[in-house]
PDB file of N, CA and C in Angstrom:
ATOM      1  N   MET A   1      11.324  -1.614   9.649  1.00  0.00           N
ATOM      2  CA  MET A   1      10.310  -0.762   9.043  1.00  0.00           C
ATOM      3  C   MET A   1       8.963  -1.057   9.682  1.00  0.00           C
ATOM      4  N   LYS A   2       8.145  -0.055   9.724  1.00  0.00           N
ATOM      5  CA  LYS A   2       6.781  -0.186  10.218  1.00  0.00           C
ATOM      6  C   LYS A   2       5.883  -0.545   9.030  1.00  0.00           C
ATOM      7  N   ILE A   3       4.917  -1.422   9.274  1.00  0.00           N
ATOM      8  CA  ILE A   3       3.979  -1.840   8.227  1.00  0.00           C
ATOM      9  C   ILE A   3       2.599  -1.300   8.566  1.00  0.00           C
ATOM     10  N   GLU A   4       1.967  -0.661   7.609  1.00  0.00           N
ATOM     11  CA  GLU A   4       0.587  -0.211   7.764  1.00  0.00           C
ATOM     12  C   GLU A   4      -0.254  -0.867   6.677  1.00  0.00           C
ATOM     13  N   LEU A   5      -1.361  -1.487   7.085  1.00  0.00           N
ATOM     14  CA  LEU A   5      -2.281  -2.113   6.136  1.00  0.00           C
ATOM     15  C   LEU A   5      -3.538  -1.275   6.035  1.00  0.00           C
ATOM     16  N   ARG A   6      -3.912  -0.945   4.831  1.00  0.00           N
ATOM     17  CA  ARG A   6      -5.217  -0.305   4.623  1.00  0.00           C
ATOM     18  C   ARG A   6      -6.290  -1.333   4.937  1.00  0.00           C
ATOM     19  N   GLN A   7      -7.483  -0.892   5.272  1.00  0.00           N
ATOM     20  CA  GLN A   7      -8.561  -1.795   5.676  1.00  0.00           C
ATOM     21  C   GLN A   7      -8.863  -2.836   4.598  1.00  0.00           C
ATOM     22  N   LEU A   8      -8.880  -2.441   3.344  1.00  0.00           N
ATOM     23  CA  LEU A   8      -9.138  -3.389   2.252  1.00  0.00           C
ATOM     24  C   LEU A   8      -8.108  -4.506   2.245  1.00  0.00           C
ATOM     25  N   ALA A   9      -6.837  -4.144   2.365  1.00  0.00           N
ATOM     26  CA  ALA A   9      -5.771  -5.152   2.376  1.00  0.00           C
ATOM     27  C   ALA A   9      -5.881  -6.051   3.597  1.00  0.00           C
ATOM     28  N   ALA A  10      -6.172  -5.476   4.747  1.00  0.00           N
ATOM     29  CA  ALA A  10      -6.296  -6.274   5.970  1.00  0.00           C
ATOM     30  C   ALA A  10      -7.464  -7.246   5.864  1.00  0.00           C
ATOM     31  N   SER A  11      -8.561  -6.819   5.290  1.00  0.00           N
ATOM     32  CA  SER A  11      -9.730  -7.693   5.138  1.00  0.00           C
ATOM     33  C   SER A  11      -9.410  -8.887   4.253  1.00  0.00           C
ATOM     34  N   VAL A  12      -8.727  -8.644   3.153  1.00  0.00           N
ATOM     35  CA  VAL A  12      -8.360  -9.734   2.244  1.00  0.00           C
ATOM     36  C   VAL A  12      -7.354 -10.655   2.918  1.00  0.00           C
ATOM     37  N   LEU A  13      -6.375 -10.071   3.590  1.00  0.00           N
ATOM     38  CA  LEU A  13      -5.322 -10.856   4.224  1.00  0.00           C
ATOM     39  C   LEU A  13      -5.886 -11.896   5.186  1.00  0.00           C
ATOM     40  N   PHE A  14      -6.902 -11.531   5.927  1.00  0.00           N
ATOM     41  CA  PHE A  14      -7.457 -12.453   6.910  1.00  0.00           C
ATOM     42  C   PHE A  14      -8.612 -13.289   6.381  1.00  0.00           C
ATOM     43  N   ASP A  15      -8.877 -13.178   5.079  1.00  0.00           N
ATOM     44  CA  ASP A  15      -9.976 -13.928   4.476  1.00  0.00           C
ATOM     45  C   ASP A  15      -9.491 -14.916   3.417  1.00  0.00           C
ATOM     46  N   VAL A  16      -8.195 -15.166   3.368  1.00  0.00           N
ATOM     47  CA  VAL A  16      -7.638 -16.106   2.390  1.00  0.00           C
ATOM     48  C   VAL A  16      -7.171 -17.370   3.109  1.00  0.00           C
ATOM     49  N   PRO A  17      -7.040 -18.479   2.385  1.00  0.00           N
ATOM     50  CA  PRO A  17      -6.527 -19.719   2.997  1.00  0.00           C
ATOM     51  C   PRO A  17      -5.118 -19.510   3.579  1.00  0.00           C
ATOM     52  N   ASP A  18      -4.738 -20.370   4.506  1.00  0.00           N
ATOM     53  CA  ASP A  18      -3.461 -20.235   5.210  1.00  0.00           C
ATOM     54  C   ASP A  18      -2.257 -20.132   4.281  1.00  0.00           C
ATOM     55  N   ALA A  19      -2.220 -20.936   3.228  1.00  0.00           N
ATOM     56  CA  ALA A  19      -1.077 -20.901   2.311  1.00  0.00           C
ATOM     57  C   ALA A  19      -0.966 -19.539   1.618  1.00  0.00           C
ATOM     58  N   MET A  20      -2.094 -18.971   1.249  1.00  0.00           N
ATOM     59  CA  MET A  20      -2.094 -17.655   0.606  1.00  0.00           C
ATOM     60  C   MET A  20      -1.720 -16.577   1.626  1.00  0.00           C
ATOM     61  N   HIS A  21      -2.203 -16.721   2.839  1.00  0.00           N
ATOM     62  CA  HIS A  21      -1.879 -15.793   3.929  1.00  0.00           C
ATOM     63  C   HIS A  21      -0.354 -15.757   4.125  1.00  0.00           C
ATOM     64  N   GLU A  22       0.264 -16.923   4.167  1.00  0.00           N
ATOM     65  CA  GLU A  22       1.718 -17.006   4.341  1.00  0.00           C
ATOM     66  C   GLU A  22       2.460 -16.347   3.188  1.00  0.00           C
ATOM     67  N   GLU A  23       1.966 -16.542   1.964  1.00  0.00           N
ATOM     68  CA  GLU A  23       2.628 -15.942   0.805  1.00  0.00           C
ATOM     69  C   GLU A  23       2.544 -14.417   0.864  1.00  0.00           C
ATOM     70  N   ILE A  24       1.401 -13.889   1.260  1.00  0.00           N
ATOM     71  CA  ILE A  24       1.244 -12.437   1.370  1.00  0.00           C
ATOM     72  C   ILE A  24       2.160 -11.883   2.457  1.00  0.00           C
ATOM     73  N   ILE A  25       2.224 -12.554   3.598  1.00  0.00           N
ATOM     74  CA  ILE A  25       3.106 -12.110   4.680  1.00  0.00           C
ATOM     75  C   ILE A  25       4.565 -12.136   4.216  1.00  0.00           C
ATOM     76  N   THR A  26       4.946 -13.152   3.451  1.00  0.00           N
ATOM     77  CA  THR A  26       6.304 -13.224   2.914  1.00  0.00           C
ATOM     78  C   THR A  26       6.582 -12.051   1.981  1.00  0.00           C
ATOM     79  N   LEU A  27       5.615 -11.700   1.134  1.00  0.00           N
ATOM     80  CA  LEU A  27       5.784 -10.550   0.242  1.00  0.00           C
ATOM     81  C   LEU A  27       5.959  -9.262   1.048  1.00  0.00           C
ATOM     82  N   ILE A  28       5.146  -9.079   2.069  1.00  0.00           N
ATOM     83  CA  ILE A  28       5.250  -7.881   2.905  1.00  0.00           C
ATOM     84  C   ILE A  28       6.615  -7.834   3.587  1.00  0.00           C
ATOM     85  N   ASP A  29       7.054  -8.968   4.122  1.00  0.00           N
ATOM     86  CA  ASP A  29       8.362  -9.028   4.781  1.00  0.00           C
ATOM     87  C   ASP A  29       9.481  -8.687   3.807  1.00  0.00           C
ATOM     88  N   THR A  30       9.399  -9.203   2.598  1.00  0.00           N
ATOM     89  CA  THR A  30      10.417  -8.930   1.586  1.00  0.00           C
ATOM     90  C   THR A  30      10.461  -7.444   1.232  1.00  0.00           C
ATOM     91  N   VAL A  31       9.304  -6.863   1.018  1.00  0.00           N
ATOM     92  CA  VAL A  31       9.232  -5.437   0.691  1.00  0.00           C
ATOM     93  C   VAL A  31       9.826  -4.594   1.821  1.00  0.00           C
ATOM     94  N   ALA A  32       9.577  -5.009   3.056  1.00  0.00           N
ATOM     95  CA  ALA A  32      10.060  -4.243   4.207  1.00  0.00           C
ATOM     96  C   ALA A  32      11.561  -4.405   4.452  1.00  0.00           C
ATOM     97  N   THR A  33      12.158  -5.494   3.963  1.00  0.00           N
ATOM     98  CA  THR A  33      13.566  -5.751   4.282  1.00  0.00           C
ATOM     99  C   THR A  33      14.530  -5.582   3.116  1.00  0.00           C
ATOM    100  N   VAL A  34      14.035  -5.555   1.899  1.00  0.00           N
ATOM    101  CA  VAL A  34      14.909  -5.409   0.724  1.00  0.00           C
ATOM    102  C   VAL A  34      14.928  -3.933   0.309  1.00  0.00           C
ATOM    103  N   PRO A  35      16.058  -3.261   0.476  1.00  0.00           N
ATOM    104  CA  PRO A  35      16.116  -1.831   0.174  1.00  0.00           C
ATOM    105  C   PRO A  35      15.671  -1.465  -1.242  1.00  0.00           C
ATOM    106  N   ALA A  36      15.968  -2.293  -2.224  1.00  0.00           N
ATOM    107  CA  ALA A  36      15.592  -1.979  -3.609  1.00  0.00           C
ATOM    108  C   ALA A  36      14.079  -1.954  -3.801  1.00  0.00           C
ATOM    109  N   ALA A  37      13.335  -2.620  -2.928  1.00  0.00           N
ATOM    110  CA  ALA A  37      11.882  -2.662  -3.041  1.00  0.00           C
ATOM    111  C   ALA A  37      11.216  -1.457  -2.389  1.00  0.00           C
ATOM    112  N   GLN A  38      11.970  -0.655  -1.685  1.00  0.00           N
ATOM    113  CA  GLN A  38      11.409   0.475  -0.951  1.00  0.00           C
ATOM    114  C   GLN A  38      11.445   1.725  -1.809  1.00  0.00           C
ATOM    115  N   VAL A  39      10.394   1.917  -2.566  1.00  0.00           N
ATOM    116  CA  VAL A  39      10.285   3.054  -3.467  1.00  0.00           C
ATOM    117  C   VAL A  39       9.179   3.984  -2.975  1.00  0.00           C
ATOM    118  N   SER A  40       9.279   5.260  -3.311  1.00  0.00           N
ATOM    119  CA  SER A  40       8.280   6.215  -2.833  1.00  0.00           C
ATOM    120  C   SER A  40       7.054   6.275  -3.739  1.00  0.00           C
ATOM    121  N   ASP A  41       7.153   5.714  -4.919  1.00  0.00           N
ATOM    122  CA  ASP A  41       6.007   5.677  -5.830  1.00  0.00           C
ATOM    123  C   ASP A  41       5.177   4.429  -5.568  1.00  0.00           C
ATOM    124  N   LEU A  42       4.051   4.348  -6.219  1.00  0.00           N
ATOM    125  CA  LEU A  42       3.213   3.162  -6.158  1.00  0.00           C
ATOM    126  C   LEU A  42       3.992   1.991  -6.740  1.00  0.00           C
ATOM    127  N   ALA A  43       3.992   0.861  -6.042  1.00  0.00           N
ATOM    128  CA  ALA A  43       4.755  -0.305  -6.493  1.00  0.00           C
ATOM    129  C   ALA A  43       3.936  -1.565  -6.236  1.00  0.00           C
ATOM    130  N   ALA A  44       4.376  -2.664  -6.823  1.00  0.00           N
ATOM    131  CA  ALA A  44       3.712  -3.954  -6.627  1.00  0.00           C
ATOM    132  C   ALA A  44       4.755  -5.032  -6.439  1.00  0.00           C
ATOM    133  N   ALA A  45       4.375  -6.056  -5.697  1.00  0.00           N
ATOM    134  CA  ALA A  45       5.228  -7.233  -5.503  1.00  0.00           C
ATOM    135  C   ALA A  45       4.375  -8.452  -5.818  1.00  0.00           C
ATOM    136  N   PHE A  46       4.978  -9.427  -6.472  1.00  0.00           N
ATOM    137  CA  PHE A  46       4.255 -10.611  -6.917  1.00  0.00           C
ATOM    138  C   PHE A  46       4.902 -11.882  -6.406  1.00  0.00           C
ATOM    139  N   GLY A  47       4.074 -12.810  -5.928  1.00  0.00           N
ATOM    140  CA  GLY A  47       4.524 -14.144  -5.548  1.00  0.00           C
ATOM    141  C   GLY A  47       4.007 -15.138  -6.559  1.00  0.00           C
ATOM    142  N   ASP A  48       3.989 -16.410  -6.199  1.00  0.00           N
ATOM    143  CA  ASP A  48       3.484 -17.436  -7.108  1.00  0.00           C
ATOM    144  C   ASP A  48       2.006 -17.241  -7.413  1.00  0.00           C
ATOM    145  N   TRP A  49       1.211 -16.942  -6.379  1.00  0.00           N
ATOM    146  CA  TRP A  49      -0.231 -16.810  -6.539  1.00  0.00           C
ATOM    147  C   TRP A  49      -0.787 -15.478  -6.058  1.00  0.00           C
ATOM    148  N   CYS A  50      -0.003 -14.736  -5.305  1.00  0.00           N
ATOM    149  CA  CYS A  50      -0.518 -13.520  -4.669  1.00  0.00           C
ATOM    150  C   CYS A  50       0.291 -12.293  -5.074  1.00  0.00           C
ATOM    151  N   TRP A  51      -0.280 -11.132  -4.795  1.00  0.00           N
ATOM    152  CA  TRP A  51       0.387  -9.877  -5.074  1.00  0.00           C
ATOM    153  C   TRP A  51       0.005  -8.867  -4.008  1.00  0.00           C
ATOM    154  N   LEU A  52       0.768  -7.800  -3.949  1.00  0.00           N
ATOM    155  CA  LEU A  52       0.385  -6.677  -3.108  1.00  0.00           C
ATOM    156  C   LEU A  52       0.803  -5.388  -3.787  1.00  0.00           C
ATOM    157  N   VAL A  53       0.037  -4.360  -3.528  1.00  0.00           N
ATOM    158  CA  VAL A  53       0.310  -3.018  -4.029  1.00  0.00           C
ATOM    159  C   VAL A  53       0.671  -2.187  -2.808  1.00  0.00           C
ATOM    160  N   TYR A  54       1.759  -1.453  -2.897  1.00  0.00           N
ATOM    161  CA  TYR A  54       2.256  -0.736  -1.730  1.00  0.00           C
ATOM    162  C   TYR A  54       2.994   0.533  -2.140  1.00  0.00           C
ATOM    163  N   THR A  55       3.304   1.331  -1.149  1.00  0.00           N
ATOM    164  CA  THR A  55       4.181   2.479  -1.290  1.00  0.00           C
ATOM    165  C   THR A  55       4.945   2.623   0.014  1.00  0.00           C
ATOM    166  N   THR A  56       6.037   3.338  -0.013  1.00  0.00           N
ATOM    167  CA  THR A  56       6.787   3.565   1.220  1.00  0.00           C
ATOM    168  C   THR A  56       6.891   5.064   1.486  1.00  0.00           C
ATOM    169  N   HIS A  57       6.884   5.401   2.761  1.00  0.00           N
ATOM    170  CA  HIS A  57       7.032   6.778   3.219  1.00  0.00           C
ATOM    171  C   HIS A  57       8.034   6.749   4.365  1.00  0.00           C
ATOM    172  N   GLY A  58       9.277   7.113   4.104  1.00  0.00           N
ATOM    173  CA  GLY A  58      10.297   7.061   5.154  1.00  0.00           C
ATOM    174  C   GLY A  58      10.516   5.628   5.614  1.00  0.00           C
ATOM    175  N   ASP A  59      10.216   5.355   6.888  1.00  0.00           N
ATOM    176  CA  ASP A  59      10.398   3.995   7.410  1.00  0.00           C
ATOM    177  C   ASP A  59       9.078   3.237   7.527  1.00  0.00           C
ATOM    178  N   VAL A  60       8.083   3.636   6.727  1.00  0.00           N
ATOM    179  CA  VAL A  60       6.763   2.997   6.755  1.00  0.00           C
ATOM    180  C   VAL A  60       6.449   2.401   5.391  1.00  0.00           C
ATOM    181  N   VAL A  61       6.066   1.125   5.379  1.00  0.00           N
ATOM    182  CA  VAL A  61       5.539   0.481   4.173  1.00  0.00           C
ATOM    183  C   VAL A  61       4.024   0.491   4.318  1.00  0.00           C
ATOM    184  N   GLU A  62       3.352   1.126   3.386  1.00  0.00           N
ATOM    185  CA  GLU A  62       1.898   1.185   3.413  1.00  0.00           C
ATOM    186  C   GLU A  62       1.356   0.211   2.362  1.00  0.00           C
ATOM    187  N   VAL A  63       0.703  -0.855   2.831  1.00  0.00           N
ATOM    188  CA  VAL A  63       0.133  -1.860   1.934  1.00  0.00           C
ATOM    189  C   VAL A  63      -1.281  -1.405   1.590  1.00  0.00           C
ATOM    190  N   LEU A  64      -1.498  -1.119   0.319  1.00  0.00           N
ATOM    191  CA  LEU A  64      -2.772  -0.571  -0.135  1.00  0.00           C
ATOM    192  C   LEU A  64      -3.770  -1.647  -0.528  1.00  0.00           C
ATOM    193  N   ASP A  65      -3.275  -2.722  -1.134  1.00  0.00           N
ATOM    194  CA  ASP A  65      -4.166  -3.780  -1.602  1.00  0.00           C
ATOM    195  C   ASP A  65      -3.379  -5.077  -1.698  1.00  0.00           C
ATOM    196  N   VAL A  66      -4.048  -6.177  -1.485  1.00  0.00           N
ATOM    197  CA  VAL A  66      -3.469  -7.508  -1.672  1.00  0.00           C
ATOM    198  C   VAL A  66      -4.497  -8.367  -2.382  1.00  0.00           C
ATOM    199  N   GLY A  67      -4.028  -9.421  -3.018  1.00  0.00           N
ATOM    200  CA  GLY A  67      -4.948 -10.335  -3.677  1.00  0.00           C
ATOM    201  C   GLY A  67      -4.261 -11.632  -4.034  1.00  0.00           C
ATOM    202  N   CYS A  68      -5.076 -12.609  -4.396  1.00  0.00           N
ATOM    203  CA  CYS A  68      -4.575 -13.919  -4.795  1.00  0.00           C
ATOM    204  C   CYS A  68      -5.341 -14.391  -6.022  1.00  0.00           C
ATOM    205  N   ALA A  69      -4.673 -15.164  -6.851  1.00  0.00           N
ATOM    206  CA  ALA A  69      -5.287 -15.681  -8.064  1.00  0.00           C
ATOM    207  C   ALA A  69      -6.076 -16.953  -7.816  1.00  0.00           C
ATOM    208  N   ARG A  70      -5.972 -17.515  -6.637  1.00  0.00           N
ATOM    209  CA  ARG A  70      -6.707 -18.745  -6.323  1.00  0.00           C
ATOM    210  C   ARG A  70      -7.961 -18.424  -5.590  1.00  0.00           C
TER     211      ARG A  70
END
C-alpha cells in the first residue's frame, strides 16, 4: 500500500522523540498491512502512547493526524 501523510501529520511525526516516532511508524505499518484495518471511513489506530487518524482509498492509506500523550 502507498502511504500519504498530510502536512500536519508529517510535522508531528518528525517533531516527536525517537521512541514515539517508532511507535507511530509501527501504527502506520500495521494499518497498511492488516486488511481489517483498511476501511474507507475515518478510522483511528492506537498504540501505548500514540495514535493516528487515517482513511484508505483503494491502495492508499492517507494519514490525517498523529499524536502522542507524552
